[in-house]
Amino acid sequence: MRPMIGLLVGALAPVVLPATAFAAFDLHVRQGEGLARTHCARCHAIGRTGDSPFGEAPRFRELHTRYPVEDLGEALTEGISTGHPAMPEFRFDPDQAQDLIAYLKSLER
């Protein structure tokens, strides 16, 4: 019986493990979207469509064309500040920064 269980586990591992990884990524994307809605949507277009409420604020779906969003982790945790006074400084904990980055990366597709 044990060899049969081992075969079953071995056969299912390639199916279950990627699904688990995808579910974890999806959770990070959803949490990042929540952060974007709470902290960013007032000025930025955070979704796949629409214009930014504040005309000078870049659309999140286009950020990846300006620079690699995966490189934003340090700036998000140390405090993003920009050259214009309308944007407040934001600081996220490292997990939140990674969630927001996961969300931004999901918009690239």
N, C-alpha and C. Protein backbone atom coordinates (compact mmCIF):
# COMPACT_ATOMS: atom_id res chain seq x y z
N MET A 1 0.82 -1.19 0.00
CA MET A 1 0.00 0.00 0.00
C MET A 1 0.87 1.27 0.00
N ARG A 2 1.97 1.28 0.76
CA ARG A 2 2.82 2.46 0.82
C ARG A 2 3.41 2.83 -0.54
N PRO A 3 3.87 1.87 -1.34
CA PRO A 3 4.37 2.26 -2.66
C PRO A 3 3.30 2.95 -3.50
N MET A 4 2.05 2.53 -3.35
CA MET A 4 0.96 3.13 -4.11
C MET A 4 0.74 4.59 -3.67
N ILE A 5 0.82 4.86 -2.38
CA ILE A 5 0.66 6.23 -1.88
C ILE A 5 1.80 7.10 -2.40
N GLY A 6 3.01 6.56 -2.38
CA GLY A 6 4.16 7.31 -2.90
C GLY A 6 3.99 7.64 -4.36
N LEU A 7 3.48 6.70 -5.15
CA LEU A 7 3.24 6.96 -6.56
C LEU A 7 2.18 8.04 -6.75
N LEU A 8 1.13 7.97 -5.95
CA LEU A 8 0.06 8.95 -6.04
C LEU A 8 0.56 10.35 -5.68
N VAL A 9 1.31 10.45 -4.60
CA VAL A 9 1.87 11.74 -4.19
C VAL A 9 2.82 12.27 -5.25
N GLY A 10 3.67 11.42 -5.77
CA GLY A 10 4.61 11.82 -6.82
C GLY A 10 3.90 12.28 -8.08
N ALA A 11 2.79 11.64 -8.41
CA ALA A 11 2.05 12.03 -9.60
C ALA A 11 1.31 13.35 -9.42
N LEU A 12 0.85 13.60 -8.21
CA LEU A 12 0.08 14.82 -7.96
C LEU A 12 0.95 16.04 -7.65
N ALA A 13 2.17 15.85 -7.22
CA ALA A 13 3.03 16.97 -6.81
C ALA A 13 3.16 18.04 -7.89
N PRO A 14 3.42 17.69 -9.16
CA PRO A 14 3.55 18.75 -10.16
C PRO A 14 2.26 19.54 -10.37
N VAL A 15 1.12 18.95 -10.06
CA VAL A 15 -0.15 19.64 -10.22
C VAL A 15 -0.46 20.49 -9.00
N VAL A 16 -0.24 19.96 -7.82
CA VAL A 16 -0.60 20.64 -6.59
C VAL A 16 0.37 21.77 -6.26
N LEU A 17 1.65 21.55 -6.40
CA LEU A 17 2.63 22.57 -6.02
C LEU A 17 2.50 23.85 -6.84
N PRO A 18 2.39 23.79 -8.17
CA PRO A 18 2.20 25.04 -8.90
C PRO A 18 0.89 25.73 -8.53
N ALA A 19 -0.16 24.97 -8.27
CA ALA A 19 -1.43 25.57 -7.88
C ALA A 19 -1.28 26.29 -6.54
N THR A 20 -0.51 25.70 -5.62
CA THR A 20 -0.27 26.33 -4.33
C THR A 20 0.53 27.62 -4.50
N ALA A 21 1.55 27.57 -5.33
CA ALA A 21 2.35 28.77 -5.58
C ALA A 21 1.50 29.86 -6.22
N PHE A 22 0.65 29.48 -7.15
CA PHE A 22 -0.23 30.45 -7.80
C PHE A 22 -1.19 31.06 -6.79
N ALA A 23 -1.75 30.24 -5.90
CA ALA A 23 -2.68 30.74 -4.89
C ALA A 23 -1.98 31.74 -3.97
N ALA A 24 -0.74 31.47 -3.61
CA ALA A 24 0.01 32.39 -2.75
C ALA A 24 0.26 33.70 -3.48
N PHE A 25 0.64 33.62 -4.75
CA PHE A 25 0.86 34.83 -5.54
C PHE A 25 -0.44 35.62 -5.65
N ASP A 26 -1.55 34.92 -5.89
CA ASP A 26 -2.85 35.57 -6.01
C ASP A 26 -3.22 36.29 -4.71
N LEU A 27 -2.92 35.69 -3.59
CA LEU A 27 -3.19 36.33 -2.30
C LEU A 27 -2.38 37.62 -2.18
N HIS A 28 -1.11 37.59 -2.57
CA HIS A 28 -0.28 38.79 -2.51
C HIS A 28 -0.83 39.87 -3.45
N VAL A 29 -1.29 39.45 -4.62
CA VAL A 29 -1.87 40.40 -5.57
C VAL A 29 -3.11 41.07 -4.97
N ARG A 30 -3.98 40.28 -4.38
CA ARG A 30 -5.20 40.85 -3.78
C ARG A 30 -4.86 41.79 -2.63
N GLN A 31 -3.90 41.41 -1.80
CA GLN A 31 -3.50 42.28 -0.69
C GLN A 31 -2.87 43.57 -1.23
N GLY A 32 -2.07 43.45 -2.28
CA GLY A 32 -1.48 44.63 -2.89
C GLY A 32 -2.52 45.55 -3.51
N GLU A 33 -3.54 44.95 -4.11
CA GLU A 33 -4.62 45.76 -4.67
C GLU A 33 -5.34 46.52 -3.56
N GLY A 34 -5.54 45.88 -2.43
CA GLY A 34 -6.16 46.55 -1.29
C GLY A 34 -5.34 47.74 -0.81
N LEU A 35 -4.02 47.56 -0.75
CA LEU A 35 -3.15 48.67 -0.37
C LEU A 35 -3.24 49.81 -1.38
N ALA A 36 -3.27 49.45 -2.66
CA ALA A 36 -3.36 50.47 -3.71
C ALA A 36 -4.68 51.24 -3.59
N ARG A 37 -5.76 50.51 -3.34
CA ARG A 37 -7.07 51.18 -3.18
C ARG A 37 -7.06 52.13 -1.98
N THR A 38 -6.48 51.69 -0.90
CA THR A 38 -6.47 52.48 0.33
C THR A 38 -5.55 53.69 0.25
N HIS A 39 -4.37 53.51 -0.31
CA HIS A 39 -3.35 54.56 -0.24
C HIS A 39 -3.11 55.31 -1.54
N CYS A 40 -3.52 54.76 -2.67
CA CYS A 40 -3.08 55.32 -3.95
C CYS A 40 -4.20 55.76 -4.89
N ALA A 41 -5.36 55.14 -4.77
CA ALA A 41 -6.44 55.34 -5.75
C ALA A 41 -6.99 56.77 -5.74
N ARG A 42 -6.75 57.48 -4.69
CA ARG A 42 -7.22 58.87 -4.62
C ARG A 42 -6.60 59.70 -5.75
N CYS A 43 -5.38 59.33 -6.16
CA CYS A 43 -4.68 60.10 -7.20
C CYS A 43 -4.36 59.29 -8.45
N HIS A 44 -4.07 57.99 -8.28
CA HIS A 44 -3.62 57.15 -9.39
C HIS A 44 -4.74 56.26 -9.92
N ALA A 45 -4.71 56.01 -11.23
CA ALA A 45 -5.53 54.94 -11.80
C ALA A 45 -4.83 53.65 -11.41
N ILE A 46 -5.47 52.84 -10.58
CA ILE A 46 -4.80 51.64 -10.08
C ILE A 46 -5.23 50.38 -10.82
N GLY A 47 -6.23 50.48 -11.68
CA GLY A 47 -6.74 49.30 -12.37
C GLY A 47 -6.25 49.19 -13.80
N ARG A 48 -6.85 48.27 -14.51
CA ARG A 48 -6.48 48.00 -15.91
C ARG A 48 -7.04 49.04 -16.88
N THR A 49 -7.97 49.86 -16.43
CA THR A 49 -8.57 50.89 -17.28
C THR A 49 -8.71 52.18 -16.49
N GLY A 50 -9.04 53.23 -17.18
CA GLY A 50 -9.34 54.50 -16.54
C GLY A 50 -8.14 55.42 -16.43
N ASP A 51 -8.46 56.68 -16.21
CA ASP A 51 -7.44 57.70 -16.05
C ASP A 51 -7.23 57.99 -14.57
N SER A 52 -6.08 58.53 -14.25
CA SER A 52 -5.78 58.90 -12.87
C SER A 52 -6.64 60.10 -12.47
N PRO A 53 -7.24 60.08 -11.28
CA PRO A 53 -8.01 61.23 -10.81
C PRO A 53 -7.17 62.51 -10.76
N PHE A 54 -5.90 62.37 -10.41
CA PHE A 54 -4.97 63.49 -10.44
C PHE A 54 -4.17 63.33 -11.72
N GLY A 55 -4.38 64.23 -12.66
CA GLY A 55 -3.85 64.09 -14.01
C GLY A 55 -2.35 63.81 -14.12
N GLU A 56 -1.57 64.33 -13.18
CA GLU A 56 -0.12 64.13 -13.25
C GLU A 56 0.33 62.79 -12.66
N ALA A 57 -0.56 62.10 -11.98
CA ALA A 57 -0.19 60.83 -11.34
C ALA A 57 -0.19 59.72 -12.39
N PRO A 58 0.90 58.98 -12.50
CA PRO A 58 0.95 57.91 -13.51
C PRO A 58 -0.04 56.79 -13.21
N ARG A 59 -0.52 56.18 -14.28
CA ARG A 59 -1.40 55.02 -14.15
C ARG A 59 -0.55 53.83 -13.71
N PHE A 60 -1.04 53.09 -12.74
CA PHE A 60 -0.27 51.95 -12.24
C PHE A 60 0.01 50.93 -13.33
N ARG A 61 -0.92 50.74 -14.24
CA ARG A 61 -0.74 49.73 -15.30
C ARG A 61 0.39 50.09 -16.27
N GLU A 62 0.89 51.34 -16.18
CA GLU A 62 1.96 51.77 -17.07
C GLU A 62 3.30 51.93 -16.35
N LEU A 63 3.32 51.73 -15.04
CA LEU A 63 4.57 51.93 -14.30
C LEU A 63 5.69 51.04 -14.81
N HIS A 64 5.36 49.81 -15.20
CA HIS A 64 6.41 48.89 -15.66
C HIS A 64 7.10 49.37 -16.93
N THR A 65 6.49 50.30 -17.66
CA THR A 65 7.14 50.82 -18.86
C THR A 65 8.17 51.90 -18.52
N ARG A 66 8.11 52.41 -17.31
CA ARG A 66 9.05 53.45 -16.87
C ARG A 66 10.28 52.86 -16.19
N TYR A 67 10.06 51.81 -15.41
CA TYR A 67 11.15 51.16 -14.66
C TYR A 67 10.67 49.81 -14.15
N PRO A 68 11.60 48.94 -13.79
CA PRO A 68 11.19 47.62 -13.28
C PRO A 68 10.51 47.76 -11.91
N VAL A 69 9.25 47.40 -11.84
CA VAL A 69 8.51 47.56 -10.58
C VAL A 69 9.06 46.68 -9.47
N GLU A 70 9.72 45.57 -9.82
CA GLU A 70 10.29 44.72 -8.77
C GLU A 70 11.41 45.42 -8.01
N ASP A 71 11.92 46.52 -8.55
CA ASP A 71 12.96 47.28 -7.88
C ASP A 71 12.41 48.34 -6.91
N LEU A 72 11.11 48.39 -6.74
CA LEU A 72 10.50 49.40 -5.87
C LEU A 72 10.50 49.03 -4.39
N GLY A 73 10.88 47.83 -4.05
CA GLY A 73 10.81 47.37 -2.67
C GLY A 73 11.48 48.29 -1.68
N GLU A 74 12.69 48.68 -1.96
CA GLU A 74 13.43 49.55 -1.04
C GLU A 74 12.76 50.92 -0.91
N ALA A 75 12.34 51.48 -2.02
CA ALA A 75 11.69 52.79 -1.97
C ALA A 75 10.38 52.72 -1.20
N LEU A 76 9.64 51.63 -1.36
CA LEU A 76 8.36 51.50 -0.66
C LEU A 76 8.54 51.34 0.84
N THR A 77 9.62 50.71 1.25
CA THR A 77 9.83 50.50 2.69
C THR A 77 10.54 51.68 3.35
N GLU A 78 11.37 52.40 2.59
CA GLU A 78 12.09 53.54 3.16
C GLU A 78 11.28 54.82 3.06
N GLY A 79 10.30 54.84 2.21
CA GLY A 79 9.45 56.01 2.04
C GLY A 79 9.58 56.61 0.67
N ILE A 80 8.51 56.49 -0.10
CA ILE A 80 8.49 57.10 -1.43
C ILE A 80 8.19 58.57 -1.26
N SER A 81 9.02 59.37 -1.84
CA SER A 81 8.73 60.80 -1.91
C SER A 81 9.08 61.24 -3.33
N THR A 82 8.33 62.18 -3.82
CA THR A 82 8.54 62.61 -5.19
C THR A 82 8.85 64.09 -5.23
N GLY A 83 9.12 64.57 -6.42
CA GLY A 83 9.46 65.96 -6.60
C GLY A 83 8.29 66.91 -6.53
N HIS A 84 7.07 66.41 -6.50
CA HIS A 84 5.95 67.33 -6.41
C HIS A 84 5.29 67.24 -5.04
N PRO A 85 4.85 68.35 -4.51
CA PRO A 85 4.35 68.40 -3.14
C PRO A 85 3.00 67.73 -2.93
N ALA A 86 2.27 67.43 -3.99
CA ALA A 86 0.93 66.86 -3.84
C ALA A 86 0.97 65.40 -3.36
N MET A 87 2.07 64.71 -3.59
CA MET A 87 2.13 63.30 -3.20
C MET A 87 2.71 63.17 -1.79
N PRO A 88 1.93 62.58 -0.90
CA PRO A 88 2.46 62.36 0.46
C PRO A 88 3.52 61.25 0.44
N GLU A 89 4.33 61.21 1.46
CA GLU A 89 5.32 60.14 1.58
C GLU A 89 4.63 58.90 2.15
N PHE A 90 4.92 57.76 1.56
CA PHE A 90 4.37 56.50 2.02
C PHE A 90 5.49 55.59 2.46
N ARG A 91 5.23 54.86 3.53
CA ARG A 91 6.15 53.81 4.00
C ARG A 91 5.33 52.56 4.26
N PHE A 92 5.78 51.48 3.69
CA PHE A 92 5.11 50.19 3.88
C PHE A 92 6.09 49.25 4.56
N ASP A 93 5.56 48.28 5.29
CA ASP A 93 6.46 47.27 5.83
C ASP A 93 6.87 46.37 4.66
N PRO A 94 7.94 45.59 4.81
CA PRO A 94 8.44 44.79 3.70
C PRO A 94 7.40 43.86 3.07
N ASP A 95 6.53 43.25 3.87
CA ASP A 95 5.51 42.38 3.30
C ASP A 95 4.51 43.17 2.47
N GLN A 96 4.12 44.34 2.96
CA GLN A 96 3.20 45.18 2.21
C GLN A 96 3.85 45.64 0.90
N ALA A 97 5.12 45.99 0.95
CA ALA A 97 5.82 46.41 -0.26
C ALA A 97 5.81 45.29 -1.29
N GLN A 98 6.07 44.07 -0.86
CA GLN A 98 6.06 42.94 -1.79
C GLN A 98 4.66 42.68 -2.34
N ASP A 99 3.63 42.88 -1.51
CA ASP A 99 2.25 42.72 -1.98
C ASP A 99 1.93 43.76 -3.05
N LEU A 100 2.32 45.01 -2.81
CA LEU A 100 2.06 46.05 -3.78
C LEU A 100 2.82 45.79 -5.08
N ILE A 101 4.03 45.33 -4.97
CA ILE A 101 4.81 44.99 -6.16
C ILE A 101 4.15 43.84 -6.92
N ALA A 102 3.67 42.83 -6.20
CA ALA A 102 2.96 41.72 -6.86
C ALA A 102 1.75 42.24 -7.62
N TYR A 103 1.03 43.19 -7.02
CA TYR A 103 -0.13 43.77 -7.70
C TYR A 103 0.30 44.52 -8.95
N LEU A 104 1.34 45.34 -8.84
CA LEU A 104 1.82 46.09 -10.00
C LEU A 104 2.26 45.16 -11.12
N LYS A 105 2.93 44.08 -10.75
CA LYS A 105 3.37 43.10 -11.76
C LYS A 105 2.17 42.41 -12.42
N SER A 106 1.09 42.22 -11.66
CA SER A 106 -0.10 41.58 -12.24
C SER A 106 -0.73 42.46 -13.31
N LEU A 107 -0.50 43.75 -13.26
CA LEU A 107 -1.06 44.67 -14.25
C LEU A 107 -0.28 44.65 -15.56
N GLU A 108 0.89 44.04 -15.56
CA GLU A 108 1.72 43.98 -16.77
C GLU A 108 1.14 43.02 -17.80
N ARG A 109 0.31 42.10 -17.36
CA ARG A 109 -0.23 41.08 -18.27
C ARG A 109 -1.38 41.60 -19.08
